[in-house]
Amino acid sequence: MRIIAGEFRGRKLLGPQGPATRPVTDRVKQSLFDILAPSIPGAVVYDCFAGTGSMGLECLSRGAERVLFFEFDPNAAAILRRNVQALGLSARSRIVTADLFGWAGSASPPARPIDLLFLDPPYRFLTERPLDMQKLAATLAEQHLSENAIVVFRHAADAALDLPPLLRYDQRSYGSMTVDFLTCQSTPTSTSPPPTPHE
């Protein structure tokens, strides 16, 4: 695992140990960040179910203002913390180890709404906890996201889940994995939605 571009390009990251996390390959990460690149500089980012932090750290390397990482698994969170410290990014990061489902419902809305959100839950959550996932997405959309925020939702190709009030505007498939690009349905018609990206 490594940082692909930006200030820390080429820096290696500590990877996961055990089955708790599913790291994204460099090829897939490159494809995703080619799409997201214009939205990252100056962005405030949530990296939900962050694992060892690859996506959020890539954003910080590319000029994101701040990233909030959410990781409940203690082993993954420990590696995430070491990756943040190794890159000297503690001042621009916060790691939340509380259960995200409970945190989202009790936390105050951020002082500045979130511009970009990575949603990468364990695949089993989509079949075992679909209502919890939908409630989480709705809470984040209504209380945390900016009107033009982009949500990057990674899931198994055979386990899609609608997350109202978020609206899918693009989708990419990578083998057995699919990535949905979502935005808020409540975006005013006078504001242009995120452009449909092209590979």
N, C-alpha and C. Protein backbone atom coordinates (compact mmCIF):
# COMPACT_ATOMS: atom_id res chain seq x y z
N MET A 1 0.84 -1.19 0.00
CA MET A 1 0.00 0.00 0.00
C MET A 1 0.88 1.24 0.00
N ARG A 2 0.47 2.24 -0.80
CA ARG A 2 1.28 3.44 -0.88
C ARG A 2 0.40 4.63 -1.25
N ILE A 3 0.97 5.82 -1.07
CA ILE A 3 0.33 7.05 -1.52
C ILE A 3 0.65 7.22 -3.00
N ILE A 4 -0.35 7.49 -3.81
CA ILE A 4 -0.17 7.52 -5.26
C ILE A 4 0.31 8.88 -5.76
N ALA A 5 -0.21 9.96 -5.19
CA ALA A 5 0.10 11.29 -5.74
C ALA A 5 0.09 12.33 -4.63
N GLY A 6 0.62 13.52 -4.98
CA GLY A 6 0.59 14.63 -4.05
C GLY A 6 1.85 14.74 -3.21
N GLU A 7 1.72 15.41 -2.09
CA GLU A 7 2.86 15.72 -1.22
C GLU A 7 3.62 14.48 -0.77
N PHE A 8 2.92 13.39 -0.53
CA PHE A 8 3.56 12.18 0.00
C PHE A 8 3.61 11.06 -1.03
N ARG A 9 3.64 11.43 -2.29
CA ARG A 9 3.66 10.45 -3.37
C ARG A 9 4.78 9.43 -3.17
N GLY A 10 4.41 8.15 -3.29
CA GLY A 10 5.37 7.08 -3.17
C GLY A 10 5.60 6.57 -1.76
N ARG A 11 5.10 7.30 -0.76
CA ARG A 11 5.31 6.85 0.62
C ARG A 11 4.51 5.57 0.87
N LYS A 12 5.15 4.60 1.48
CA LYS A 12 4.47 3.34 1.78
C LYS A 12 3.64 3.48 3.06
N LEU A 13 2.53 2.75 3.10
CA LEU A 13 1.66 2.72 4.26
C LEU A 13 1.68 1.32 4.86
N LEU A 14 1.53 1.27 6.17
CA LEU A 14 1.36 -0.02 6.82
C LEU A 14 0.02 -0.61 6.40
N GLY A 15 0.01 -1.87 6.03
CA GLY A 15 -1.20 -2.51 5.56
C GLY A 15 -1.94 -3.25 6.65
N PRO A 16 -3.10 -3.79 6.32
CA PRO A 16 -3.93 -4.49 7.31
C PRO A 16 -3.34 -5.82 7.69
N GLN A 17 -3.69 -6.26 8.88
CA GLN A 17 -3.33 -7.58 9.36
C GLN A 17 -4.62 -8.33 9.68
N GLY A 18 -4.87 -9.44 9.00
CA GLY A 18 -6.10 -10.18 9.22
C GLY A 18 -7.21 -9.75 8.28
N PRO A 19 -8.40 -10.33 8.43
CA PRO A 19 -9.50 -10.12 7.49
C PRO A 19 -10.37 -8.90 7.78
N ALA A 20 -10.03 -8.08 8.77
CA ALA A 20 -10.93 -7.00 9.17
C ALA A 20 -11.04 -5.91 8.12
N THR A 21 -10.01 -5.73 7.29
CA THR A 21 -10.03 -4.67 6.28
C THR A 21 -9.79 -5.27 4.91
N ARG A 22 -10.22 -4.53 3.86
CA ARG A 22 -10.06 -4.96 2.48
C ARG A 22 -9.37 -3.83 1.72
N PRO A 23 -8.04 -3.82 1.65
CA PRO A 23 -7.36 -2.71 1.01
C PRO A 23 -7.69 -2.61 -0.47
N VAL A 24 -7.78 -1.39 -0.97
CA VAL A 24 -8.01 -1.14 -2.39
C VAL A 24 -6.67 -1.24 -3.12
N THR A 25 -6.65 -1.90 -4.25
CA THR A 25 -5.42 -2.01 -5.01
C THR A 25 -5.01 -0.64 -5.57
N ASP A 26 -3.73 -0.48 -5.89
CA ASP A 26 -3.25 0.78 -6.45
C ASP A 26 -3.97 1.12 -7.75
N ARG A 27 -4.28 0.11 -8.54
CA ARG A 27 -4.95 0.37 -9.82
C ARG A 27 -6.35 0.96 -9.60
N VAL A 28 -7.09 0.36 -8.68
CA VAL A 28 -8.43 0.86 -8.39
C VAL A 28 -8.36 2.24 -7.75
N LYS A 29 -7.43 2.41 -6.82
CA LYS A 29 -7.29 3.72 -6.17
C LYS A 29 -6.96 4.80 -7.20
N GLN A 30 -6.06 4.49 -8.13
CA GLN A 30 -5.72 5.45 -9.16
C GLN A 30 -6.95 5.84 -9.97
N SER A 31 -7.75 4.86 -10.34
CA SER A 31 -8.96 5.13 -11.11
C SER A 31 -9.92 6.02 -10.34
N LEU A 32 -10.14 5.72 -9.06
CA LEU A 32 -11.06 6.51 -8.24
C LEU A 32 -10.56 7.94 -8.08
N PHE A 33 -9.28 8.10 -7.81
CA PHE A 33 -8.77 9.45 -7.56
C PHE A 33 -8.59 10.25 -8.84
N ASP A 34 -8.49 9.60 -9.98
CA ASP A 34 -8.56 10.34 -11.24
C ASP A 34 -9.92 11.02 -11.36
N ILE A 35 -10.96 10.36 -10.90
CA ILE A 35 -12.31 10.91 -10.93
C ILE A 35 -12.47 12.03 -9.89
N LEU A 36 -11.94 11.79 -8.69
CA LEU A 36 -12.19 12.69 -7.55
C LEU A 36 -11.24 13.88 -7.49
N ALA A 37 -10.14 13.84 -8.22
CA ALA A 37 -9.06 14.82 -8.06
C ALA A 37 -9.51 16.28 -8.00
N PRO A 38 -10.43 16.74 -8.87
CA PRO A 38 -10.80 18.16 -8.82
C PRO A 38 -11.51 18.56 -7.53
N SER A 39 -12.08 17.59 -6.81
CA SER A 39 -12.87 17.89 -5.61
C SER A 39 -12.06 17.84 -4.32
N ILE A 40 -10.80 17.46 -4.38
CA ILE A 40 -10.05 17.19 -3.15
C ILE A 40 -9.36 18.41 -2.54
N PRO A 41 -8.69 19.27 -3.30
CA PRO A 41 -7.96 20.38 -2.66
C PRO A 41 -8.88 21.24 -1.79
N GLY A 42 -8.49 21.41 -0.53
CA GLY A 42 -9.26 22.22 0.40
C GLY A 42 -10.48 21.53 0.99
N ALA A 43 -10.72 20.26 0.65
CA ALA A 43 -11.94 19.57 1.09
C ALA A 43 -11.83 19.11 2.54
N VAL A 44 -12.98 19.01 3.19
CA VAL A 44 -13.11 18.34 4.47
C VAL A 44 -13.72 16.97 4.20
N VAL A 45 -13.09 15.93 4.71
CA VAL A 45 -13.39 14.56 4.30
C VAL A 45 -13.72 13.70 5.50
N TYR A 46 -14.72 12.82 5.33
CA TYR A 46 -14.97 11.72 6.26
C TYR A 46 -14.51 10.44 5.58
N ASP A 47 -13.66 9.66 6.25
CA ASP A 47 -13.27 8.34 5.77
C ASP A 47 -13.90 7.33 6.72
N CYS A 48 -15.08 6.81 6.34
CA CYS A 48 -15.87 5.94 7.21
C CYS A 48 -15.51 4.48 6.98
N PHE A 49 -15.39 3.71 8.07
CA PHE A 49 -14.87 2.35 8.01
C PHE A 49 -13.50 2.41 7.34
N ALA A 50 -12.61 3.21 7.90
CA ALA A 50 -11.40 3.65 7.22
C ALA A 50 -10.34 2.57 7.09
N GLY A 51 -10.42 1.52 7.88
CA GLY A 51 -9.34 0.54 7.84
C GLY A 51 -8.04 1.19 8.28
N THR A 52 -7.00 1.04 7.49
CA THR A 52 -5.71 1.63 7.84
C THR A 52 -5.50 3.00 7.23
N GLY A 53 -6.57 3.57 6.62
CA GLY A 53 -6.56 4.98 6.25
C GLY A 53 -6.11 5.33 4.86
N SER A 54 -6.03 4.38 3.97
CA SER A 54 -5.47 4.63 2.65
C SER A 54 -6.19 5.74 1.89
N MET A 55 -7.52 5.75 1.93
CA MET A 55 -8.28 6.73 1.13
C MET A 55 -8.15 8.14 1.72
N GLY A 56 -8.34 8.25 3.03
CA GLY A 56 -8.23 9.56 3.64
C GLY A 56 -6.83 10.13 3.57
N LEU A 57 -5.81 9.29 3.73
CA LEU A 57 -4.43 9.77 3.65
C LEU A 57 -4.08 10.20 2.23
N GLU A 58 -4.63 9.52 1.25
CA GLU A 58 -4.45 9.96 -0.14
C GLU A 58 -5.04 11.35 -0.34
N CYS A 59 -6.19 11.60 0.27
CA CYS A 59 -6.81 12.92 0.17
C CYS A 59 -5.93 13.99 0.81
N LEU A 60 -5.39 13.71 1.98
CA LEU A 60 -4.51 14.68 2.65
C LEU A 60 -3.27 14.95 1.82
N SER A 61 -2.72 13.91 1.20
CA SER A 61 -1.55 14.10 0.34
C SER A 61 -1.87 15.00 -0.84
N ARG A 62 -3.12 14.95 -1.32
CA ARG A 62 -3.53 15.73 -2.49
C ARG A 62 -4.12 17.09 -2.12
N GLY A 63 -4.02 17.48 -0.86
CA GLY A 63 -4.41 18.84 -0.50
C GLY A 63 -5.71 19.01 0.22
N ALA A 64 -6.33 17.91 0.68
CA ALA A 64 -7.53 18.06 1.51
C ALA A 64 -7.17 18.82 2.78
N GLU A 65 -8.11 19.63 3.27
CA GLU A 65 -7.84 20.43 4.47
C GLU A 65 -7.79 19.57 5.72
N ARG A 66 -8.72 18.62 5.83
CA ARG A 66 -8.82 17.84 7.06
C ARG A 66 -9.59 16.55 6.77
N VAL A 67 -9.21 15.48 7.47
CA VAL A 67 -9.91 14.19 7.33
C VAL A 67 -10.27 13.68 8.72
N LEU A 68 -11.51 13.24 8.85
CA LEU A 68 -11.97 12.54 10.05
C LEU A 68 -12.05 11.06 9.68
N PHE A 69 -11.26 10.24 10.35
CA PHE A 69 -11.24 8.80 10.11
C PHE A 69 -12.12 8.10 11.14
N PHE A 70 -12.91 7.13 10.69
CA PHE A 70 -13.74 6.33 11.58
C PHE A 70 -13.34 4.87 11.44
N GLU A 71 -12.84 4.28 12.53
CA GLU A 71 -12.46 2.87 12.50
C GLU A 71 -12.66 2.26 13.87
N PHE A 72 -13.57 1.29 13.94
CA PHE A 72 -13.96 0.68 15.20
C PHE A 72 -13.04 -0.47 15.60
N ASP A 73 -12.49 -1.19 14.61
CA ASP A 73 -11.62 -2.32 14.90
C ASP A 73 -10.31 -1.82 15.51
N PRO A 74 -9.95 -2.27 16.71
CA PRO A 74 -8.78 -1.71 17.40
C PRO A 74 -7.47 -1.98 16.68
N ASN A 75 -7.32 -3.13 16.04
CA ASN A 75 -6.08 -3.43 15.34
C ASN A 75 -5.90 -2.52 14.12
N ALA A 76 -6.97 -2.37 13.34
CA ALA A 76 -6.89 -1.47 12.19
C ALA A 76 -6.67 -0.03 12.64
N ALA A 77 -7.35 0.39 13.72
CA ALA A 77 -7.20 1.76 14.21
C ALA A 77 -5.76 2.04 14.66
N ALA A 78 -5.12 1.03 15.26
CA ALA A 78 -3.73 1.20 15.70
C ALA A 78 -2.80 1.41 14.51
N ILE A 79 -3.02 0.65 13.43
CA ILE A 79 -2.20 0.82 12.23
C ILE A 79 -2.49 2.17 11.58
N LEU A 80 -3.76 2.55 11.54
CA LEU A 80 -4.15 3.86 11.02
C LEU A 80 -3.43 4.97 11.77
N ARG A 81 -3.41 4.89 13.08
CA ARG A 81 -2.75 5.92 13.89
C ARG A 81 -1.25 6.00 13.56
N ARG A 82 -0.63 4.85 13.35
CA ARG A 82 0.79 4.83 13.01
C ARG A 82 1.03 5.44 11.62
N ASN A 83 0.12 5.17 10.67
CA ASN A 83 0.26 5.77 9.34
C ASN A 83 0.13 7.29 9.40
N VAL A 84 -0.83 7.77 10.15
CA VAL A 84 -1.02 9.22 10.30
C VAL A 84 0.22 9.86 10.91
N GLN A 85 0.74 9.25 11.95
CA GLN A 85 1.91 9.80 12.62
C GLN A 85 3.15 9.75 11.75
N ALA A 86 3.33 8.68 10.99
CA ALA A 86 4.50 8.54 10.13
C ALA A 86 4.55 9.62 9.06
N LEU A 87 3.37 10.07 8.62
CA LEU A 87 3.31 11.12 7.60
C LEU A 87 3.24 12.51 8.21
N GLY A 88 3.22 12.60 9.53
CA GLY A 88 3.16 13.90 10.18
C GLY A 88 1.85 14.63 9.95
N LEU A 89 0.74 13.88 9.92
CA LEU A 89 -0.55 14.47 9.56
C LEU A 89 -1.53 14.53 10.73
N SER A 90 -1.03 14.42 11.94
CA SER A 90 -1.92 14.42 13.11
C SER A 90 -2.71 15.71 13.23
N ALA A 91 -2.12 16.84 12.86
CA ALA A 91 -2.79 18.13 13.00
C ALA A 91 -3.95 18.29 12.01
N ARG A 92 -3.95 17.52 10.96
CA ARG A 92 -5.00 17.62 9.94
C ARG A 92 -5.93 16.40 9.97
N SER A 93 -5.82 15.61 11.02
CA SER A 93 -6.58 14.38 11.11
C SER A 93 -7.22 14.23 12.48
N ARG A 94 -8.27 13.45 12.51
CA ARG A 94 -8.85 13.00 13.77
C ARG A 94 -9.31 11.57 13.56
N ILE A 95 -9.02 10.71 14.51
CA ILE A 95 -9.41 9.30 14.43
C ILE A 95 -10.49 9.03 15.46
N VAL A 96 -11.64 8.60 15.00
CA VAL A 96 -12.77 8.28 15.88
C VAL A 96 -12.90 6.77 15.94
N THR A 97 -12.76 6.22 17.15
CA THR A 97 -12.84 4.76 17.31
C THR A 97 -14.18 4.31 17.89
N ALA A 98 -15.10 5.24 18.08
CA ALA A 98 -16.44 4.88 18.53
C ALA A 98 -17.20 4.20 17.39
N ASP A 99 -18.25 3.48 17.74
CA ASP A 99 -19.12 2.87 16.74
C ASP A 99 -19.76 3.96 15.89
N LEU A 100 -19.55 3.89 14.59
CA LEU A 100 -19.99 4.96 13.70
C LEU A 100 -21.50 5.13 13.72
N PHE A 101 -22.25 4.05 13.84
CA PHE A 101 -23.70 4.14 13.81
C PHE A 101 -24.21 4.97 15.00
N GLY A 102 -23.65 4.73 16.16
CA GLY A 102 -24.05 5.51 17.33
C GLY A 102 -23.51 6.92 17.29
N TRP A 103 -22.27 7.08 16.82
CA TRP A 103 -21.64 8.40 16.75
C TRP A 103 -22.44 9.35 15.87
N ALA A 104 -22.83 8.88 14.70
CA ALA A 104 -23.51 9.75 13.74
C ALA A 104 -24.80 10.31 14.30
N GLY A 105 -25.52 9.52 15.07
CA GLY A 105 -26.79 9.98 15.61
C GLY A 105 -26.66 10.93 16.78
N SER A 106 -25.50 10.92 17.44
CA SER A 106 -25.34 11.76 18.64
C SER A 106 -24.41 12.95 18.44
N ALA A 107 -23.59 12.93 17.40
CA ALA A 107 -22.63 14.01 17.19
C ALA A 107 -23.31 15.28 16.69
N SER A 108 -22.79 16.41 17.09
CA SER A 108 -23.27 17.69 16.58
C SER A 108 -22.83 17.85 15.13
N PRO A 109 -23.60 18.53 14.30
CA PRO A 109 -23.16 18.77 12.93
C PRO A 109 -21.82 19.49 12.92
N PRO A 110 -20.97 19.19 11.97
CA PRO A 110 -19.65 19.83 11.92
C PRO A 110 -19.77 21.32 11.66
N ALA A 111 -18.78 22.07 12.12
CA ALA A 111 -18.78 23.52 11.90
C ALA A 111 -18.77 23.84 10.41
N ARG A 112 -18.08 23.03 9.65
CA ARG A 112 -18.09 23.16 8.19
C ARG A 112 -18.59 21.86 7.60
N PRO A 113 -19.61 21.90 6.76
CA PRO A 113 -20.14 20.65 6.20
C PRO A 113 -19.08 19.88 5.41
N ILE A 114 -19.29 18.59 5.31
CA ILE A 114 -18.33 17.68 4.70
C ILE A 114 -18.47 17.71 3.17
N ASP A 115 -17.32 17.75 2.50
CA ASP A 115 -17.30 17.83 1.04
C ASP A 115 -17.20 16.47 0.36
N LEU A 116 -16.55 15.53 1.03
CA LEU A 116 -16.29 14.22 0.42
C LEU A 116 -16.35 13.16 1.50
N LEU A 117 -17.07 12.08 1.22
CA LEU A 117 -17.25 11.02 2.21
C LEU A 117 -16.99 9.67 1.55
N PHE A 118 -16.10 8.90 2.15
CA PHE A 118 -15.87 7.52 1.72
C PHE A 118 -16.65 6.60 2.65
N LEU A 119 -17.49 5.77 2.07
CA LEU A 119 -18.33 4.85 2.83
C LEU A 119 -17.97 3.43 2.38
N ASP A 120 -17.21 2.74 3.22
CA ASP A 120 -16.65 1.44 2.84
C ASP A 120 -16.92 0.42 3.95
N PRO A 121 -18.19 0.10 4.18
CA PRO A 121 -18.53 -0.79 5.29
C PRO A 121 -18.13 -2.23 4.99
N PRO A 122 -17.98 -3.05 6.04
CA PRO A 122 -17.84 -4.50 5.79
C PRO A 122 -18.98 -4.98 4.91
N TYR A 123 -18.65 -5.78 3.93
CA TYR A 123 -19.68 -6.19 2.97
C TYR A 123 -20.89 -6.83 3.64
N ARG A 124 -20.68 -7.51 4.74
CA ARG A 124 -21.81 -8.20 5.39
C ARG A 124 -22.86 -7.22 5.91
N PHE A 125 -22.45 -5.97 6.16
CA PHE A 125 -23.41 -4.99 6.70
C PHE A 125 -24.56 -4.74 5.73
N LEU A 126 -24.31 -4.88 4.44
CA LEU A 126 -25.35 -4.59 3.46
C LEU A 126 -26.47 -5.63 3.49
N THR A 127 -26.15 -6.85 3.93
CA THR A 127 -27.17 -7.88 4.03
C THR A 127 -27.64 -8.09 5.46
N GLU A 128 -26.75 -7.88 6.44
CA GLU A 128 -27.12 -8.11 7.84
C GLU A 128 -27.69 -6.87 8.51
N ARG A 129 -27.29 -5.67 8.04
CA ARG A 129 -27.72 -4.43 8.70
C ARG A 129 -28.14 -3.37 7.67
N PRO A 130 -28.98 -3.74 6.71
CA PRO A 130 -29.32 -2.76 5.67
C PRO A 130 -30.04 -1.54 6.21
N LEU A 131 -30.94 -1.72 7.17
CA LEU A 131 -31.66 -0.57 7.72
C LEU A 131 -30.72 0.36 8.49
N ASP A 132 -29.76 -0.23 9.21
CA ASP A 132 -28.77 0.60 9.90
C ASP A 132 -27.93 1.38 8.90
N MET A 133 -27.55 0.75 7.79
CA MET A 133 -26.77 1.45 6.78
C MET A 133 -27.56 2.59 6.17
N GLN A 134 -28.84 2.36 5.91
CA GLN A 134 -29.67 3.41 5.33
C GLN A 134 -29.88 4.55 6.32
N LYS A 135 -30.08 4.22 7.59
CA LYS A 135 -30.23 5.26 8.60
C LYS A 135 -28.94 6.07 8.75
N LEU A 136 -27.79 5.39 8.72
CA LEU A 136 -26.51 6.08 8.79
C LEU A 136 -26.34 7.04 7.62
N ALA A 137 -26.63 6.57 6.41
CA ALA A 137 -26.49 7.42 5.23
C ALA A 137 -27.40 8.63 5.31
N ALA A 138 -28.64 8.41 5.77
CA ALA A 138 -29.59 9.52 5.88
C ALA A 138 -29.13 10.55 6.91
N THR A 139 -28.62 10.07 8.05
CA THR A 139 -28.14 10.99 9.09
C THR A 139 -26.96 11.81 8.59
N LEU A 140 -26.01 11.15 7.93
CA LEU A 140 -24.85 11.87 7.40
C LEU A 140 -25.28 12.88 6.34
N ALA A 141 -26.19 12.48 5.48
CA ALA A 141 -26.64 13.38 4.42
C ALA A 141 -27.35 14.61 4.98
N GLU A 142 -28.18 14.39 5.98
CA GLU A 142 -29.01 15.49 6.50
C GLU A 142 -28.27 16.39 7.48
N GLN A 143 -27.29 15.84 8.21
CA GLN A 143 -26.66 16.61 9.28
C GLN A 143 -25.19 16.92 9.07
N HIS A 144 -24.53 16.27 8.11
CA HIS A 144 -23.09 16.41 8.00
C HIS A 144 -22.60 16.86 6.63
N LEU A 145 -23.30 16.51 5.57
CA LEU A 145 -22.80 16.76 4.22
C LEU A 145 -23.18 18.13 3.69
N SER A 146 -22.29 18.70 2.88
CA SER A 146 -22.64 19.91 2.14
C SER A 146 -23.60 19.53 1.02
N GLU A 147 -24.25 20.51 0.43
CA GLU A 147 -25.25 20.24 -0.60
C GLU A 147 -24.64 19.53 -1.81
N ASN A 148 -23.39 19.84 -2.13
CA ASN A 148 -22.75 19.26 -3.31
C ASN A 148 -21.71 18.21 -2.94
N ALA A 149 -21.81 17.66 -1.75
CA ALA A 149 -20.85 16.64 -1.32
C ALA A 149 -20.91 15.42 -2.23
N ILE A 150 -19.79 14.75 -2.34
CA ILE A 150 -19.69 13.49 -3.08
C ILE A 150 -19.51 12.36 -2.06
N VAL A 151 -20.29 11.30 -2.21
CA VAL A 151 -20.16 10.11 -1.38
C VAL A 151 -19.68 8.98 -2.26
N VAL A 152 -18.59 8.34 -1.85
CA VAL A 152 -18.02 7.21 -2.58
C VAL A 152 -18.34 5.95 -1.78
N PHE A 153 -19.24 5.14 -2.31
CA PHE A 153 -19.79 3.98 -1.60
C PHE A 153 -19.28 2.70 -2.26
N ARG A 154 -18.45 1.97 -1.54
CA ARG A 154 -17.85 0.74 -2.05
C ARG A 154 -18.60 -0.46 -1.50
N HIS A 155 -18.95 -1.40 -2.39
CA HIS A 155 -19.69 -2.59 -1.95
C HIS A 155 -19.44 -3.74 -2.91
N ALA A 156 -19.82 -4.94 -2.49
CA ALA A 156 -19.72 -6.10 -3.37
C ALA A 156 -20.64 -5.90 -4.57
N ALA A 157 -20.19 -6.37 -5.71
CA ALA A 157 -20.96 -6.16 -6.94
C ALA A 157 -22.35 -6.80 -6.86
N ASP A 158 -22.49 -7.85 -6.09
CA ASP A 158 -23.77 -8.55 -6.00
C ASP A 158 -24.56 -8.16 -4.76
N ALA A 159 -24.21 -7.04 -4.12
CA ALA A 159 -24.89 -6.65 -2.88
C ALA A 159 -25.12 -5.14 -2.86
N ALA A 160 -25.80 -4.63 -3.87
CA ALA A 160 -26.10 -3.21 -3.93
C ALA A 160 -27.14 -2.84 -2.88
N LEU A 161 -27.13 -1.55 -2.48
CA LEU A 161 -28.11 -1.07 -1.50
C LEU A 161 -28.37 0.40 -1.78
N ASP A 162 -29.65 0.75 -1.94
CA ASP A 162 -30.00 2.17 -2.08
C ASP A 162 -29.83 2.86 -0.73
N LEU A 163 -29.34 4.11 -0.77
CA LEU A 163 -29.09 4.87 0.45
C LEU A 163 -29.77 6.23 0.39
N PRO A 164 -31.11 6.25 0.38
CA PRO A 164 -31.80 7.54 0.36
C PRO A 164 -31.47 8.34 1.61
N PRO A 165 -31.39 9.67 1.48
CA PRO A 165 -31.73 10.52 0.34
C PRO A 165 -30.60 10.76 -0.64
N LEU A 166 -29.58 9.90 -0.64
CA LEU A 166 -28.48 10.05 -1.58
C LEU A 166 -28.87 9.48 -2.93
N LEU A 167 -28.38 10.10 -3.98
CA LEU A 167 -28.72 9.71 -5.35
C LEU A 167 -27.45 9.32 -6.08
N ARG A 168 -27.46 8.13 -6.68
CA ARG A 168 -26.30 7.68 -7.45
C ARG A 168 -26.26 8.42 -8.78
N TYR A 169 -25.10 9.01 -9.09
CA TYR A 169 -24.95 9.67 -10.39
C TYR A 169 -23.90 9.01 -11.26
N ASP A 170 -23.17 8.06 -10.71
CA ASP A 170 -22.22 7.29 -11.52
C ASP A 170 -21.89 6.01 -10.77
N GLN A 171 -21.41 5.03 -11.53
CA GLN A 171 -21.06 3.74 -10.93
C GLN A 171 -19.91 3.13 -11.73
N ARG A 172 -18.95 2.55 -11.00
CA ARG A 172 -17.82 1.87 -11.64
C ARG A 172 -17.67 0.48 -11.04
N SER A 173 -17.35 -0.50 -11.88
CA SER A 173 -17.17 -1.87 -11.42
C SER A 173 -15.72 -2.28 -11.61
N TYR A 174 -15.20 -2.98 -10.60
CA TYR A 174 -13.83 -3.47 -10.61
C TYR A 174 -13.87 -4.92 -10.15
N GLY A 175 -14.07 -5.84 -11.09
CA GLY A 175 -14.18 -7.24 -10.73
C GLY A 175 -15.39 -7.48 -9.85
N SER A 176 -15.16 -8.05 -8.66
CA SER A 176 -16.26 -8.35 -7.75
C SER A 176 -16.67 -7.16 -6.89
N MET A 177 -16.04 -6.01 -7.11
CA MET A 177 -16.31 -4.81 -6.32
C MET A 177 -16.96 -3.75 -7.20
N THR A 178 -17.91 -3.01 -6.63
CA THR A 178 -18.54 -1.90 -7.31
C THR A 178 -18.41 -0.65 -6.45
N VAL A 179 -18.22 0.49 -7.10
CA VAL A 179 -18.14 1.78 -6.41
C VAL A 179 -19.23 2.68 -6.96
N ASP A 180 -20.13 3.12 -6.08
CA ASP A 180 -21.17 4.09 -6.45
C ASP A 180 -20.72 5.49 -6.06
N PHE A 181 -21.00 6.44 -6.93
CA PHE A 181 -20.77 7.85 -6.62
C PHE A 181 -22.14 8.48 -6.38
N LEU A 182 -22.33 9.01 -5.19
CA LEU A 182 -23.63 9.50 -4.76
C LEU A 182 -23.54 10.97 -4.40
N THR A 183 -24.68 11.64 -4.47
CA THR A 183 -24.77 13.02 -4.01
C THR A 183 -26.17 13.23 -3.42
N CYS A 184 -26.38 14.36 -2.78
CA CYS A 184 -27.65 14.61 -2.11
C CYS A 184 -28.74 14.94 -3.12
N GLN A 185 -29.89 14.29 -2.99
CA GLN A 185 -31.01 14.58 -3.87
C GLN A 185 -31.53 15.99 -3.66
N SER A 186 -31.28 16.56 -2.48
CA SER A 186 -31.83 17.87 -2.16
C SER A 186 -31.02 19.02 -2.75
N THR A 187 -29.99 18.70 -3.55
CA THR A 187 -29.22 19.77 -4.17
C THR A 187 -30.13 20.67 -4.98
N PRO A 188 -30.13 21.99 -4.76
CA PRO A 188 -31.01 22.89 -5.51
C PRO A 188 -30.76 22.79 -7.01
N THR A 189 -31.84 22.92 -7.78
CA THR A 189 -31.69 22.82 -9.23
C THR A 189 -30.84 23.95 -9.79
N SER A 190 -30.70 25.05 -9.04
CA SER A 190 -29.88 26.16 -9.51
C SER A 190 -28.39 25.88 -9.35
N THR A 191 -28.06 24.83 -8.62
CA THR A 191 -26.66 24.45 -8.41
C THR A 191 -26.36 23.22 -9.24
N SER A 192 -25.32 23.28 -10.03
CA SER A 192 -24.98 22.15 -10.88
C SER A 192 -24.50 20.99 -10.03
N PRO A 193 -25.01 19.79 -10.27
CA PRO A 193 -24.53 18.62 -9.53
C PRO A 193 -23.12 18.27 -9.98
N PRO A 194 -22.44 17.41 -9.24
CA PRO A 194 -21.11 17.00 -9.67
C PRO A 194 -21.15 16.45 -11.06
N PRO A 195 -20.17 16.78 -11.92
CA PRO A 195 -20.18 16.27 -13.28
C PRO A 195 -20.03 14.76 -13.30
N THR A 196 -20.66 14.13 -14.27
CA THR A 196 -20.50 12.69 -14.42
C THR A 196 -19.10 12.42 -14.90
N PRO A 197 -18.29 11.68 -14.09
CA PRO A 197 -16.92 11.46 -14.48
C PRO A 197 -16.78 10.43 -15.59
N HIS A 198 -15.68 10.50 -16.30
CA HIS A 198 -15.40 9.55 -17.38
C HIS A 198 -14.01 9.00 -17.18
N GLU A 199 -13.87 7.74 -17.44
CA GLU A 199 -12.54 7.13 -17.35
C GLU A 199 -11.74 7.48 -18.57
